[in-house]
């Protein structure tokens, strides 16, 4: 699989009908793509604090729950010691469905 850069994913629309089948999770996935784009256009690890700081909306604690759920399903790597999350190949493969033409 050719791994796209975050900027190659279309974030203008929500990621409806994804594997997550949950609009809140799909919104968090979109936020992760945007954060990754702003973070040197790379799929880099981020902390909860960085997530909150980089989102342009008022972040709820429920979004942290969505991040941990995505880690439990294998779509994010979660280092519990440092409480960092990282998009992995499974995450990138899912959001690649919205790759720009």
Protein backbone atom coordinates (compact mmCIF):
# COMPACT_ATOMS: atom_id res chain seq x y z
CA UNK A 1 0.00 0.00 0.00
CA UNK A 2 1.26 3.45 -0.92
CA UNK A 3 1.03 5.40 2.34
CA UNK A 4 -0.57 8.79 1.71
CA UNK A 5 0.46 11.91 3.56
CA UNK A 6 -2.21 13.43 5.83
CA UNK A 7 -2.65 16.33 3.38
CA UNK A 8 -3.72 13.82 0.71
CA UNK A 9 -6.80 12.86 2.73
CA UNK A 10 -9.96 14.87 2.03
CA UNK A 11 -11.04 16.33 5.37
CA UNK A 12 -13.62 18.73 3.96
CA UNK A 13 -16.33 16.19 4.72
CA UNK A 14 -16.87 13.80 7.58
CA UNK A 15 -15.73 10.19 7.37
CA UNK A 16 -19.20 8.67 7.26
CA UNK A 17 -19.69 4.92 6.69
CA UNK A 18 -16.26 4.04 8.03
CA UNK A 19 -15.24 0.88 9.82
CA UNK A 20 -15.95 2.70 13.10
CA UNK A 21 -19.68 3.18 12.30
CA UNK A 22 -19.88 5.88 14.96
CA UNK A 23 -20.04 9.57 14.07
CA UNK A 24 -18.08 10.69 17.15
CA UNK A 25 -15.23 8.30 16.32
CA UNK A 26 -15.32 9.38 12.69
CA UNK A 27 -15.03 13.01 13.83
CA UNK A 28 -12.03 12.16 16.03
CA UNK A 29 -10.43 10.30 13.10
CA UNK A 30 -10.87 13.39 10.95
CA UNK A 31 -9.31 15.51 13.71
CA UNK A 32 -6.31 13.15 13.83
CA UNK A 33 -5.79 13.58 10.09
CA UNK A 34 -5.96 17.37 10.44
CA UNK A 35 -3.56 17.36 13.40
CA UNK A 36 -1.18 15.12 11.46
CA UNK A 37 -1.34 17.49 8.50
CA UNK A 38 -0.49 20.45 10.74
CA UNK A 39 2.23 18.37 12.41
CA UNK A 40 4.68 18.49 9.45
CA UNK A 41 2.26 16.50 7.28
CA UNK A 42 3.38 13.25 8.93
CA UNK A 43 1.66 10.48 10.88
CA UNK A 44 3.35 11.31 14.21
CA UNK A 45 2.45 10.40 17.78
CA UNK A 46 0.56 13.00 19.80
CA UNK A 47 -0.53 13.43 23.39
CA UNK A 48 -4.01 14.16 24.65
CA UNK A 49 -2.81 17.68 25.52
CA UNK A 50 -1.54 18.21 21.97
CA UNK A 51 -4.83 16.91 20.59
CA UNK A 52 -6.77 19.41 22.73
CA UNK A 53 -4.42 22.27 21.85
CA UNK A 54 -4.52 21.62 18.11
CA UNK A 55 -8.26 21.08 17.69
CA UNK A 56 -10.08 24.21 16.64
CA UNK A 57 -13.22 23.32 18.60
CA UNK A 58 -13.96 22.91 22.30
CA UNK A 59 -12.72 19.39 23.00
CA UNK A 60 -14.74 17.14 25.31
CA UNK A 61 -13.40 14.38 27.53
CA UNK A 62 -15.49 12.00 25.44
CA UNK A 63 -12.96 12.46 22.66
CA UNK A 64 -10.29 10.93 24.90
CA UNK A 65 -12.59 7.93 25.22
CA UNK A 66 -12.84 7.74 21.44
CA UNK A 67 -9.03 7.78 21.16
CA UNK A 68 -8.69 4.92 23.65
CA UNK A 69 -11.45 2.98 21.86
CA UNK A 70 -9.60 3.40 18.58
CA UNK A 71 -6.48 2.06 20.29
CA UNK A 72 -8.42 -0.93 21.63
CA UNK A 73 -9.61 -1.79 18.12
CA UNK A 74 -6.06 -1.51 16.77
CA UNK A 75 -6.52 1.69 14.76
CA UNK A 76 -4.17 3.73 16.95
CA UNK A 77 -1.11 2.76 18.94
CA UNK A 78 -1.36 3.92 22.57
CA UNK A 79 1.69 4.19 24.80
CA UNK A 80 0.03 4.17 28.21
CA UNK A 81 3.26 5.11 29.99
CA UNK A 82 3.54 8.41 28.11
CA UNK A 83 -0.17 8.57 27.19
CA UNK A 84 0.67 9.17 23.53
CA UNK A 85 -1.40 8.01 20.60
CA UNK A 86 -0.03 7.30 17.14
CA UNK A 87 -1.82 6.65 13.87
CA UNK A 88 -0.77 3.24 12.57
CA UNK A 89 -1.06 1.46 9.23
CA UNK A 90 -4.56 0.25 10.06
CA UNK A 91 -5.72 3.81 10.76
CA UNK A 92 -4.06 5.15 7.61
CA UNK A 93 -5.59 2.37 5.53
CA UNK A 94 -9.07 3.29 6.80
CA UNK A 95 -8.78 7.04 6.22
CA UNK A 96 -7.21 6.38 2.81
CA UNK A 97 -10.77 5.73 1.63
CA UNK A 98 -11.06 9.52 1.59
CA UNK A 99 -7.86 10.11 -0.38
CA UNK A 100 -8.13 13.09 -2.69
CA UNK A 101 -8.42 12.27 -6.38
